[in-house]
Amino acid sequence: MSCYASVSISLDGYYTGLNPSAQQMLGEGGEVLHAWLPRDVIDRPESGVHDIIAEEYTRIGAVVMGWDSYEHAEAVWGAKPPFGVPVYVVTSRYLADDVRHGTTFRFVNDGFEAAVEHAQNAAGDKEVGLHGGGAIRQGLLHGLLEELQLHLVPVLLGDGRQLFDGVDPADIELEQLRAAEGQGVTHIKYRVRYG
């Protein structure tokens, strides 16, 4: 079982500002982290517009995310979320599937690894994507994240949620696979190795 993840992050390591919510899914001041992302790409690839994002969509067959990511972004996604693949939401809540145009959200109550296993079964020969900082952190802590694409935005947020919070640096090694400059962002892809 291995996973892939992609996330925008500030130079000081934050993937949201303070107090993310359904009203401000990237927290206070965090919207700057997605300013580089063309709005038409978010609605799913007609995204020859951005090769790096197009690549992410084509390699992912299912997604795992935490409850916060689901709850904070569902209003933004509306009836047509950008995934187009099954999404497994790790939560303690018992809910019926949330079926939207091209995407079904399934709620998994028996932990992160179980959600990844369900997603792997659904993904077939494609990869499992981890969506949101919490899921990415769990992927690192469980040794399941194989590749990490950071969209490094040249801004200091100063506070919020840090991507590598709670991850022991002695446990992981990042091997750079690619770096690409963009407008207001540097895309750096890493292979994750575990010690």
N, C-alpha and C. Protein backbone atom coordinates (compact mmCIF):
# COMPACT_ATOMS: atom_id res chain seq x y z
N MET A 1 0.85 -1.19 0.00
CA MET A 1 0.00 0.00 0.00
C MET A 1 0.88 1.23 0.00
N SER A 2 0.78 2.04 -1.02
CA SER A 2 1.53 3.30 -1.02
C SER A 2 0.65 4.40 -1.59
N CYS A 3 1.00 5.62 -1.25
CA CYS A 3 0.15 6.76 -1.58
C CYS A 3 0.98 7.90 -2.17
N TYR A 4 0.26 8.81 -2.79
CA TYR A 4 0.82 10.02 -3.39
C TYR A 4 0.07 11.20 -2.79
N ALA A 5 0.77 12.33 -2.62
CA ALA A 5 0.09 13.52 -2.10
C ALA A 5 0.66 14.77 -2.74
N SER A 6 -0.17 15.78 -2.78
CA SER A 6 0.18 17.07 -3.35
C SER A 6 -0.46 18.15 -2.49
N VAL A 7 0.32 19.15 -2.11
CA VAL A 7 -0.23 20.19 -1.23
C VAL A 7 0.54 21.49 -1.41
N SER A 8 -0.18 22.60 -1.34
CA SER A 8 0.45 23.92 -1.31
C SER A 8 0.89 24.23 0.11
N ILE A 9 2.07 24.83 0.22
CA ILE A 9 2.65 25.06 1.54
C ILE A 9 3.42 26.38 1.52
N SER A 10 3.42 27.07 2.66
CA SER A 10 4.19 28.31 2.78
C SER A 10 5.66 27.98 3.03
N LEU A 11 6.52 28.97 2.89
CA LEU A 11 7.95 28.76 3.15
C LEU A 11 8.23 28.33 4.58
N ASP A 12 7.36 28.73 5.51
CA ASP A 12 7.56 28.33 6.90
C ASP A 12 6.76 27.07 7.27
N GLY A 13 6.28 26.33 6.27
CA GLY A 13 5.76 24.99 6.52
C GLY A 13 4.29 24.85 6.81
N TYR A 14 3.49 25.90 6.59
CA TYR A 14 2.07 25.83 6.90
C TYR A 14 1.23 25.52 5.65
N TYR A 15 0.24 24.63 5.82
CA TYR A 15 -0.67 24.34 4.71
C TYR A 15 -2.02 25.03 4.90
N THR A 16 -2.25 25.66 6.04
CA THR A 16 -3.39 26.57 6.26
C THR A 16 -2.90 27.68 7.18
N GLY A 17 -3.68 28.76 7.19
CA GLY A 17 -3.50 29.77 8.21
C GLY A 17 -4.23 29.35 9.48
N LEU A 18 -4.35 30.27 10.41
CA LEU A 18 -5.08 30.00 11.67
C LEU A 18 -6.57 29.79 11.41
N ASN A 19 -7.19 28.97 12.22
CA ASN A 19 -8.65 28.80 12.28
C ASN A 19 -9.32 28.44 10.95
N PRO A 20 -8.87 27.37 10.28
CA PRO A 20 -9.58 26.96 9.07
C PRO A 20 -11.01 26.56 9.42
N SER A 21 -11.93 26.83 8.50
CA SER A 21 -13.35 26.54 8.74
C SER A 21 -14.04 26.41 7.39
N ALA A 22 -15.33 26.11 7.43
CA ALA A 22 -16.11 26.04 6.19
C ALA A 22 -16.16 27.40 5.50
N GLN A 23 -16.09 28.48 6.29
CA GLN A 23 -16.11 29.82 5.71
C GLN A 23 -14.74 30.23 5.15
N GLN A 24 -13.67 29.74 5.77
CA GLN A 24 -12.30 30.02 5.32
C GLN A 24 -11.53 28.71 5.36
N MET A 25 -11.66 27.92 4.29
CA MET A 25 -11.10 26.57 4.37
C MET A 25 -9.58 26.55 4.49
N LEU A 26 -8.90 27.61 4.09
CA LEU A 26 -7.45 27.68 4.25
C LEU A 26 -7.04 28.57 5.42
N GLY A 27 -8.00 28.91 6.27
CA GLY A 27 -7.72 29.69 7.46
C GLY A 27 -7.45 31.15 7.16
N GLU A 28 -7.14 31.89 8.20
CA GLU A 28 -6.90 33.33 8.09
C GLU A 28 -5.62 33.59 7.29
N GLY A 29 -5.75 34.22 6.15
CA GLY A 29 -4.60 34.53 5.30
C GLY A 29 -4.11 33.37 4.45
N GLY A 30 -4.71 32.21 4.60
CA GLY A 30 -4.24 31.02 3.90
C GLY A 30 -4.60 30.94 2.43
N GLU A 31 -5.55 31.78 1.99
CA GLU A 31 -5.97 31.74 0.58
C GLU A 31 -4.81 32.02 -0.37
N VAL A 32 -3.77 32.70 0.11
CA VAL A 32 -2.60 32.99 -0.72
C VAL A 32 -1.90 31.70 -1.18
N LEU A 33 -2.10 30.62 -0.44
CA LEU A 33 -1.46 29.34 -0.79
C LEU A 33 -2.00 28.75 -2.09
N HIS A 34 -3.21 29.14 -2.48
CA HIS A 34 -3.79 28.62 -3.72
C HIS A 34 -3.89 29.69 -4.82
N ALA A 35 -3.29 30.85 -4.59
CA ALA A 35 -3.38 31.94 -5.57
C ALA A 35 -2.74 31.55 -6.91
N TRP A 36 -1.77 30.66 -6.89
CA TRP A 36 -1.08 30.24 -8.12
C TRP A 36 -1.94 29.31 -8.98
N LEU A 37 -2.94 28.68 -8.38
CA LEU A 37 -3.70 27.63 -9.05
C LEU A 37 -4.80 28.24 -9.91
N PRO A 38 -4.75 28.07 -11.22
CA PRO A 38 -5.80 28.63 -12.07
C PRO A 38 -7.17 28.10 -11.68
N ARG A 39 -8.15 28.97 -11.56
CA ARG A 39 -9.48 28.58 -11.09
C ARG A 39 -10.11 27.51 -11.98
N ASP A 40 -9.88 27.55 -13.31
CA ASP A 40 -10.51 26.56 -14.18
C ASP A 40 -9.93 25.17 -13.98
N VAL A 41 -8.73 25.06 -13.43
CA VAL A 41 -8.13 23.76 -13.19
C VAL A 41 -8.84 23.05 -12.04
N ILE A 42 -9.30 23.81 -11.06
CA ILE A 42 -9.92 23.22 -9.89
C ILE A 42 -11.16 22.41 -10.27
N ASP A 43 -11.83 22.80 -11.35
CA ASP A 43 -13.05 22.10 -11.76
C ASP A 43 -12.77 20.83 -12.55
N ARG A 44 -11.54 20.35 -12.48
CA ARG A 44 -11.11 19.07 -13.05
C ARG A 44 -10.51 19.28 -14.42
N PRO A 45 -9.67 18.38 -14.88
CA PRO A 45 -8.84 18.77 -15.99
C PRO A 45 -9.54 18.76 -17.33
N GLU A 46 -9.89 19.83 -17.67
CA GLU A 46 -9.72 20.55 -18.88
C GLU A 46 -8.35 21.19 -18.62
N SER A 47 -7.48 20.47 -17.84
CA SER A 47 -6.32 21.13 -17.26
C SER A 47 -5.05 20.87 -18.01
N GLY A 48 -5.12 20.72 -19.32
CA GLY A 48 -3.90 20.84 -20.07
C GLY A 48 -3.31 22.20 -19.76
N VAL A 49 -4.09 23.05 -19.08
CA VAL A 49 -3.65 24.38 -18.67
C VAL A 49 -2.43 24.28 -17.77
N HIS A 50 -2.36 23.26 -16.97
CA HIS A 50 -1.27 23.15 -16.01
C HIS A 50 -0.81 21.70 -15.95
N ASP A 51 0.33 21.41 -16.59
CA ASP A 51 0.79 20.03 -16.73
C ASP A 51 0.96 19.30 -15.40
N ILE A 52 1.44 20.00 -14.38
CA ILE A 52 1.69 19.34 -13.09
C ILE A 52 0.39 18.89 -12.46
N ILE A 53 -0.64 19.73 -12.51
CA ILE A 53 -1.93 19.36 -11.96
C ILE A 53 -2.58 18.27 -12.80
N ALA A 54 -2.46 18.36 -14.12
CA ALA A 54 -3.03 17.34 -15.00
C ALA A 54 -2.43 15.97 -14.68
N GLU A 55 -1.12 15.93 -14.43
CA GLU A 55 -0.46 14.68 -14.08
C GLU A 55 -1.05 14.09 -12.80
N GLU A 56 -1.31 14.96 -11.82
CA GLU A 56 -1.87 14.48 -10.56
C GLU A 56 -3.23 13.83 -10.77
N TYR A 57 -4.07 14.45 -11.57
CA TYR A 57 -5.40 13.89 -11.82
C TYR A 57 -5.33 12.54 -12.53
N THR A 58 -4.40 12.37 -13.45
CA THR A 58 -4.37 11.14 -14.24
C THR A 58 -3.81 9.96 -13.46
N ARG A 59 -3.00 10.19 -12.44
CA ARG A 59 -2.38 9.07 -11.73
C ARG A 59 -3.20 8.57 -10.54
N ILE A 60 -4.20 9.32 -10.12
CA ILE A 60 -4.96 9.00 -8.91
C ILE A 60 -6.25 8.25 -9.26
N GLY A 61 -6.46 7.10 -8.59
CA GLY A 61 -7.67 6.31 -8.80
C GLY A 61 -8.65 6.38 -7.65
N ALA A 62 -8.21 6.88 -6.50
CA ALA A 62 -9.07 7.05 -5.32
C ALA A 62 -8.33 7.98 -4.37
N VAL A 63 -9.09 8.57 -3.44
CA VAL A 63 -8.53 9.59 -2.54
C VAL A 63 -8.93 9.26 -1.10
N VAL A 64 -8.02 9.57 -0.16
CA VAL A 64 -8.30 9.50 1.28
C VAL A 64 -8.14 10.90 1.84
N MET A 65 -9.08 11.31 2.66
CA MET A 65 -9.00 12.61 3.34
C MET A 65 -9.58 12.50 4.74
N GLY A 66 -9.28 13.48 5.57
CA GLY A 66 -9.86 13.54 6.91
C GLY A 66 -11.17 14.31 6.92
N TRP A 67 -11.83 14.26 8.05
CA TRP A 67 -13.13 14.94 8.19
C TRP A 67 -13.00 16.44 7.98
N ASP A 68 -11.94 17.05 8.54
CA ASP A 68 -11.77 18.50 8.39
C ASP A 68 -11.72 18.90 6.92
N SER A 69 -10.94 18.18 6.13
CA SER A 69 -10.84 18.51 4.71
C SER A 69 -12.20 18.41 4.02
N TYR A 70 -12.94 17.38 4.37
CA TYR A 70 -14.27 17.20 3.78
C TYR A 70 -15.20 18.33 4.22
N GLU A 71 -15.25 18.56 5.52
CA GLU A 71 -16.20 19.54 6.06
C GLU A 71 -15.86 20.97 5.63
N HIS A 72 -14.58 21.32 5.63
CA HIS A 72 -14.20 22.69 5.30
C HIS A 72 -14.35 23.01 3.83
N ALA A 73 -14.27 22.00 2.97
CA ALA A 73 -14.28 22.30 1.54
C ALA A 73 -15.56 21.91 0.82
N GLU A 74 -16.47 21.18 1.48
CA GLU A 74 -17.64 20.69 0.74
C GLU A 74 -18.50 21.82 0.17
N ALA A 75 -18.60 22.91 0.88
CA ALA A 75 -19.40 24.04 0.37
C ALA A 75 -18.75 24.65 -0.87
N VAL A 76 -17.43 24.68 -0.89
CA VAL A 76 -16.69 25.22 -2.02
C VAL A 76 -16.86 24.32 -3.24
N TRP A 77 -16.80 23.01 -3.03
CA TRP A 77 -16.91 22.06 -4.14
C TRP A 77 -18.30 22.07 -4.77
N GLY A 78 -19.33 22.23 -3.94
CA GLY A 78 -20.68 22.21 -4.47
C GLY A 78 -21.05 20.86 -5.03
N ALA A 79 -21.89 20.85 -6.05
CA ALA A 79 -22.42 19.61 -6.60
C ALA A 79 -21.41 18.87 -7.46
N LYS A 80 -20.33 19.54 -7.87
CA LYS A 80 -19.35 18.92 -8.77
C LYS A 80 -17.95 19.04 -8.18
N PRO A 81 -17.58 18.13 -7.25
CA PRO A 81 -16.23 18.17 -6.69
C PRO A 81 -15.19 17.87 -7.76
N PRO A 82 -13.94 18.27 -7.51
CA PRO A 82 -12.91 18.13 -8.54
C PRO A 82 -12.29 16.74 -8.66
N PHE A 83 -12.73 15.78 -7.87
CA PHE A 83 -12.02 14.50 -7.79
C PHE A 83 -12.35 13.54 -8.94
N GLY A 84 -13.61 13.23 -9.14
CA GLY A 84 -13.98 12.31 -10.20
C GLY A 84 -13.59 10.87 -9.92
N VAL A 85 -13.22 10.57 -8.67
CA VAL A 85 -12.86 9.21 -8.24
C VAL A 85 -13.48 9.01 -6.86
N PRO A 86 -13.55 7.75 -6.37
CA PRO A 86 -14.06 7.54 -5.01
C PRO A 86 -13.17 8.22 -3.97
N VAL A 87 -13.80 8.82 -2.96
CA VAL A 87 -13.08 9.49 -1.88
C VAL A 87 -13.49 8.85 -0.56
N TYR A 88 -12.51 8.48 0.24
CA TYR A 88 -12.74 7.84 1.54
C TYR A 88 -12.37 8.84 2.63
N VAL A 89 -13.37 9.19 3.45
CA VAL A 89 -13.22 10.21 4.48
C VAL A 89 -13.07 9.51 5.83
N VAL A 90 -11.93 9.72 6.50
CA VAL A 90 -11.68 9.13 7.81
C VAL A 90 -12.42 9.96 8.85
N THR A 91 -13.32 9.30 9.59
CA THR A 91 -14.15 10.02 10.56
C THR A 91 -14.70 9.06 11.61
N SER A 92 -15.13 9.61 12.73
CA SER A 92 -15.83 8.81 13.73
C SER A 92 -17.34 8.86 13.51
N ARG A 93 -17.78 9.66 12.54
CA ARG A 93 -19.21 9.79 12.26
C ARG A 93 -19.68 8.65 11.36
N TYR A 94 -20.91 8.21 11.59
CA TYR A 94 -21.50 7.17 10.75
C TYR A 94 -22.50 7.84 9.82
N LEU A 95 -22.12 7.94 8.56
CA LEU A 95 -22.92 8.67 7.58
C LEU A 95 -23.10 7.84 6.32
N ALA A 96 -24.21 8.07 5.63
CA ALA A 96 -24.42 7.44 4.33
C ALA A 96 -23.49 8.09 3.31
N ASP A 97 -23.21 7.36 2.24
CA ASP A 97 -22.36 7.92 1.18
C ASP A 97 -22.92 9.26 0.70
N ASP A 98 -22.02 10.17 0.39
CA ASP A 98 -22.35 11.47 -0.19
C ASP A 98 -22.01 11.37 -1.68
N VAL A 99 -23.02 11.24 -2.50
CA VAL A 99 -22.82 11.05 -3.94
C VAL A 99 -23.05 12.37 -4.66
N ARG A 100 -22.01 12.82 -5.37
CA ARG A 100 -22.10 14.05 -6.15
C ARG A 100 -21.62 13.75 -7.56
N HIS A 101 -21.77 14.68 -8.45
CA HIS A 101 -21.42 14.49 -9.85
C HIS A 101 -19.99 13.95 -10.00
N GLY A 102 -19.85 12.68 -10.37
CA GLY A 102 -18.54 12.10 -10.63
C GLY A 102 -17.76 11.66 -9.41
N THR A 103 -18.24 11.93 -8.22
CA THR A 103 -17.49 11.62 -7.00
C THR A 103 -18.43 11.06 -5.93
N THR A 104 -18.01 9.96 -5.30
CA THR A 104 -18.74 9.43 -4.15
C THR A 104 -17.83 9.50 -2.93
N PHE A 105 -18.31 10.17 -1.88
CA PHE A 105 -17.59 10.24 -0.60
C PHE A 105 -18.11 9.12 0.29
N ARG A 106 -17.20 8.26 0.72
CA ARG A 106 -17.55 7.17 1.64
C ARG A 106 -16.86 7.45 2.98
N PHE A 107 -17.59 7.22 4.06
CA PHE A 107 -17.09 7.58 5.39
C PHE A 107 -16.59 6.32 6.09
N VAL A 108 -15.31 6.34 6.48
CA VAL A 108 -14.64 5.17 7.05
C VAL A 108 -14.43 5.41 8.54
N ASN A 109 -14.93 4.49 9.35
CA ASN A 109 -14.91 4.65 10.80
C ASN A 109 -13.85 3.81 11.51
N ASP A 110 -13.07 3.04 10.75
CA ASP A 110 -12.10 2.16 11.42
C ASP A 110 -10.65 2.55 11.14
N GLY A 111 -10.41 3.84 10.96
CA GLY A 111 -9.05 4.35 10.94
C GLY A 111 -8.47 4.63 9.57
N PHE A 112 -7.32 5.31 9.61
CA PHE A 112 -6.64 5.76 8.41
C PHE A 112 -6.21 4.59 7.52
N GLU A 113 -5.57 3.59 8.11
CA GLU A 113 -5.07 2.47 7.30
C GLU A 113 -6.21 1.73 6.62
N ALA A 114 -7.35 1.59 7.29
CA ALA A 114 -8.51 0.95 6.67
C ALA A 114 -9.01 1.78 5.49
N ALA A 115 -9.01 3.10 5.64
CA ALA A 115 -9.43 3.98 4.54
C ALA A 115 -8.50 3.83 3.34
N VAL A 116 -7.20 3.76 3.60
CA VAL A 116 -6.23 3.58 2.51
C VAL A 116 -6.45 2.23 1.83
N GLU A 117 -6.73 1.21 2.60
CA GLU A 117 -6.99 -0.12 2.01
C GLU A 117 -8.23 -0.10 1.12
N HIS A 118 -9.31 0.52 1.59
CA HIS A 118 -10.51 0.66 0.76
C HIS A 118 -10.19 1.43 -0.52
N ALA A 119 -9.44 2.51 -0.37
CA ALA A 119 -9.09 3.34 -1.52
C ALA A 119 -8.22 2.56 -2.51
N GLN A 120 -7.28 1.77 -2.00
CA GLN A 120 -6.41 0.98 -2.88
C GLN A 120 -7.23 -0.02 -3.69
N ASN A 121 -8.20 -0.65 -3.05
CA ASN A 121 -9.08 -1.58 -3.76
C ASN A 121 -9.86 -0.87 -4.86
N ALA A 122 -10.31 0.35 -4.57
CA ALA A 122 -11.09 1.10 -5.55
C ALA A 122 -10.20 1.66 -6.67
N ALA A 123 -8.94 1.96 -6.36
CA ALA A 123 -8.05 2.60 -7.33
C ALA A 123 -7.57 1.65 -8.42
N GLY A 124 -7.62 0.35 -8.15
CA GLY A 124 -7.14 -0.62 -9.14
C GLY A 124 -5.65 -0.44 -9.38
N ASP A 125 -5.26 -0.21 -10.63
CA ASP A 125 -3.83 -0.08 -10.95
C ASP A 125 -3.34 1.36 -10.84
N LYS A 126 -4.21 2.26 -10.38
CA LYS A 126 -3.79 3.65 -10.17
C LYS A 126 -3.40 3.84 -8.70
N GLU A 127 -3.00 5.06 -8.37
CA GLU A 127 -2.52 5.34 -7.02
C GLU A 127 -3.61 5.92 -6.12
N VAL A 128 -3.35 5.84 -4.82
CA VAL A 128 -4.21 6.48 -3.83
C VAL A 128 -3.64 7.86 -3.54
N GLY A 129 -4.47 8.89 -3.65
CA GLY A 129 -4.06 10.24 -3.32
C GLY A 129 -4.48 10.58 -1.90
N LEU A 130 -3.63 11.28 -1.19
CA LEU A 130 -3.96 11.78 0.15
C LEU A 130 -4.26 13.26 0.02
N HIS A 131 -5.45 13.66 0.47
CA HIS A 131 -5.89 15.04 0.31
C HIS A 131 -5.95 15.72 1.68
N GLY A 132 -5.23 16.83 1.82
CA GLY A 132 -5.26 17.59 3.08
C GLY A 132 -4.08 17.23 3.96
N GLY A 133 -3.67 18.22 4.75
CA GLY A 133 -2.50 18.05 5.60
C GLY A 133 -2.61 16.93 6.61
N GLY A 134 -3.79 16.75 7.20
CA GLY A 134 -3.97 15.68 8.18
C GLY A 134 -3.75 14.31 7.58
N ALA A 135 -4.31 14.07 6.40
CA ALA A 135 -4.13 12.78 5.72
C ALA A 135 -2.68 12.58 5.30
N ILE A 136 -2.04 13.65 4.84
CA ILE A 136 -0.64 13.55 4.45
C ILE A 136 0.23 13.20 5.66
N ARG A 137 -0.03 13.87 6.78
CA ARG A 137 0.72 13.58 8.00
C ARG A 137 0.52 12.13 8.43
N GLN A 138 -0.72 11.64 8.35
CA GLN A 138 -0.99 10.23 8.70
C GLN A 138 -0.25 9.30 7.75
N GLY A 139 -0.21 9.66 6.47
CA GLY A 139 0.54 8.85 5.50
C GLY A 139 2.01 8.75 5.87
N LEU A 140 2.58 9.87 6.32
CA LEU A 140 3.98 9.87 6.76
C LEU A 140 4.16 9.04 8.03
N LEU A 141 3.28 9.23 9.00
CA LEU A 141 3.40 8.53 10.28
C LEU A 141 3.21 7.02 10.13
N HIS A 142 2.40 6.60 9.14
CA HIS A 142 2.16 5.16 8.90
C HIS A 142 3.12 4.58 7.86
N GLY A 143 4.01 5.40 7.32
CA GLY A 143 4.97 4.91 6.34
C GLY A 143 4.35 4.55 5.00
N LEU A 144 3.23 5.19 4.64
CA LEU A 144 2.50 4.84 3.42
C LEU A 144 2.64 5.87 2.30
N LEU A 145 3.16 7.05 2.60
CA LEU A 145 3.30 8.09 1.58
C LEU A 145 4.60 7.86 0.81
N GLU A 146 4.46 7.61 -0.48
CA GLU A 146 5.62 7.27 -1.32
C GLU A 146 6.17 8.48 -2.07
N GLU A 147 5.26 9.34 -2.54
CA GLU A 147 5.68 10.56 -3.24
C GLU A 147 4.91 11.75 -2.70
N LEU A 148 5.62 12.87 -2.56
CA LEU A 148 5.03 14.09 -2.04
C LEU A 148 5.37 15.25 -2.96
N GLN A 149 4.34 15.87 -3.50
CA GLN A 149 4.49 17.04 -4.37
C GLN A 149 4.16 18.28 -3.54
N LEU A 150 5.16 19.12 -3.29
CA LEU A 150 4.93 20.37 -2.57
C LEU A 150 4.86 21.51 -3.57
N HIS A 151 3.82 22.33 -3.44
CA HIS A 151 3.70 23.55 -4.22
C HIS A 151 4.13 24.67 -3.27
N LEU A 152 5.39 25.05 -3.34
CA LEU A 152 6.00 25.96 -2.37
C LEU A 152 5.71 27.41 -2.77
N VAL A 153 4.93 28.08 -1.92
CA VAL A 153 4.50 29.45 -2.19
C VAL A 153 5.38 30.41 -1.39
N PRO A 154 5.96 31.44 -2.04
CA PRO A 154 6.92 32.32 -1.36
C PRO A 154 6.24 33.32 -0.42
N VAL A 155 5.72 32.79 0.68
CA VAL A 155 5.05 33.60 1.69
C VAL A 155 5.32 32.97 3.05
N LEU A 156 5.36 33.79 4.09
CA LEU A 156 5.47 33.31 5.47
C LEU A 156 4.13 33.54 6.15
N LEU A 157 3.46 32.48 6.57
CA LEU A 157 2.17 32.64 7.26
C LEU A 157 2.34 32.90 8.75
N GLY A 158 3.40 32.37 9.36
CA GLY A 158 3.67 32.66 10.76
C GLY A 158 2.91 31.80 11.74
N ASP A 159 1.76 31.27 11.32
CA ASP A 159 0.95 30.44 12.22
C ASP A 159 -0.07 29.70 11.38
N GLY A 160 -0.66 28.67 11.97
CA GLY A 160 -1.66 27.86 11.28
C GLY A 160 -1.38 26.39 11.53
N ARG A 161 -1.63 25.58 10.53
CA ARG A 161 -1.37 24.14 10.64
C ARG A 161 -0.12 23.79 9.84
N GLN A 162 0.85 23.18 10.54
CA GLN A 162 2.10 22.82 9.90
C GLN A 162 2.03 21.39 9.35
N LEU A 163 2.54 21.22 8.14
CA LEU A 163 2.44 19.93 7.48
C LEU A 163 3.20 18.83 8.21
N PHE A 164 4.39 19.14 8.71
CA PHE A 164 5.22 18.09 9.29
C PHE A 164 5.15 18.05 10.81
N ASP A 165 4.13 18.68 11.39
CA ASP A 165 3.94 18.68 12.83
C ASP A 165 3.78 17.24 13.34
N GLY A 166 4.60 16.85 14.29
CA GLY A 166 4.50 15.51 14.87
C GLY A 166 5.27 14.44 14.11
N VAL A 167 5.88 14.79 12.98
CA VAL A 167 6.65 13.82 12.20
C VAL A 167 8.11 13.92 12.65
N ASP A 168 8.69 12.80 13.05
CA ASP A 168 10.08 12.76 13.50
C ASP A 168 11.01 12.81 12.29
N PRO A 169 11.85 13.85 12.18
CA PRO A 169 12.74 13.96 11.03
C PRO A 169 13.65 12.74 10.86
N ALA A 170 13.94 12.05 11.96
CA ALA A 170 14.79 10.86 11.87
C ALA A 170 14.09 9.71 11.15
N ASP A 171 12.78 9.79 11.04
CA ASP A 171 12.01 8.69 10.45
C ASP A 171 11.87 8.77 8.94
N ILE A 172 12.11 9.95 8.36
CA ILE A 172 11.91 10.08 6.92
C ILE A 172 13.10 10.76 6.24
N GLU A 173 13.26 10.44 4.98
CA GLU A 173 14.26 11.10 4.13
C GLU A 173 13.56 11.45 2.83
N LEU A 174 13.78 12.67 2.36
CA LEU A 174 13.14 13.13 1.12
C LEU A 174 14.18 13.20 0.01
N GLU A 175 13.91 12.49 -1.08
CA GLU A 175 14.78 12.53 -2.25
C GLU A 175 14.09 13.36 -3.33
N GLN A 176 14.70 14.46 -3.74
CA GLN A 176 14.08 15.32 -4.74
C GLN A 176 14.08 14.64 -6.10
N LEU A 177 12.89 14.60 -6.71
CA LEU A 177 12.74 14.00 -8.04
C LEU A 177 12.63 15.05 -9.14
N ARG A 178 12.06 16.23 -8.79
CA ARG A 178 11.84 17.26 -9.81
C ARG A 178 11.59 18.59 -9.12
N ALA A 179 11.99 19.67 -9.78
CA ALA A 179 11.64 21.02 -9.35
C ALA A 179 11.25 21.79 -10.60
N ALA A 180 10.14 22.52 -10.51
CA ALA A 180 9.67 23.29 -11.66
C ALA A 180 9.18 24.64 -11.17
N GLU A 181 9.60 25.69 -11.83
CA GLU A 181 9.18 27.05 -11.47
C GLU A 181 7.83 27.35 -12.09
N GLY A 182 6.99 28.02 -11.33
CA GLY A 182 5.71 28.48 -11.83
C GLY A 182 5.51 29.94 -11.46
N GLN A 183 4.39 30.50 -11.84
CA GLN A 183 4.06 31.89 -11.50
C GLN A 183 3.67 31.94 -10.03
N GLY A 184 4.55 32.44 -9.18
CA GLY A 184 4.26 32.56 -7.75
C GLY A 184 4.31 31.25 -6.99
N VAL A 185 5.02 30.25 -7.53
CA VAL A 185 5.08 28.94 -6.88
C VAL A 185 6.26 28.16 -7.45
N THR A 186 6.83 27.29 -6.61
CA THR A 186 7.83 26.32 -7.08
C THR A 186 7.28 24.94 -6.74
N HIS A 187 7.21 24.08 -7.74
CA HIS A 187 6.69 22.72 -7.56
C HIS A 187 7.88 21.79 -7.34
N ILE A 188 7.92 21.14 -6.20
CA ILE A 188 9.03 20.23 -5.89
C ILE A 188 8.44 18.86 -5.55
N LYS A 189 8.85 17.87 -6.31
CA LYS A 189 8.37 16.50 -6.07
C LYS A 189 9.46 15.70 -5.38
N TYR A 190 9.06 14.98 -4.32
CA TYR A 190 10.00 14.16 -3.53
C TYR A 190 9.55 12.70 -3.48
N ARG A 191 10.51 11.81 -3.47
CA ARG A 191 10.25 10.43 -3.07
C ARG A 191 10.49 10.37 -1.57
N VAL A 192 9.61 9.71 -0.85
CA VAL A 192 9.73 9.62 0.61
C VAL A 192 10.32 8.25 0.95
N ARG A 193 11.40 8.27 1.71
CA ARG A 193 12.01 7.03 2.20
C ARG A 193 11.91 7.02 3.73
N TYR A 194 11.72 5.84 4.27
CA TYR A 194 11.52 5.70 5.73
C TYR A 194 12.72 4.98 6.36
N GLY A 195 13.17 5.52 7.53
CA GLY A 195 14.33 4.95 8.20
C GLY A 195 13.96 3.97 9.27
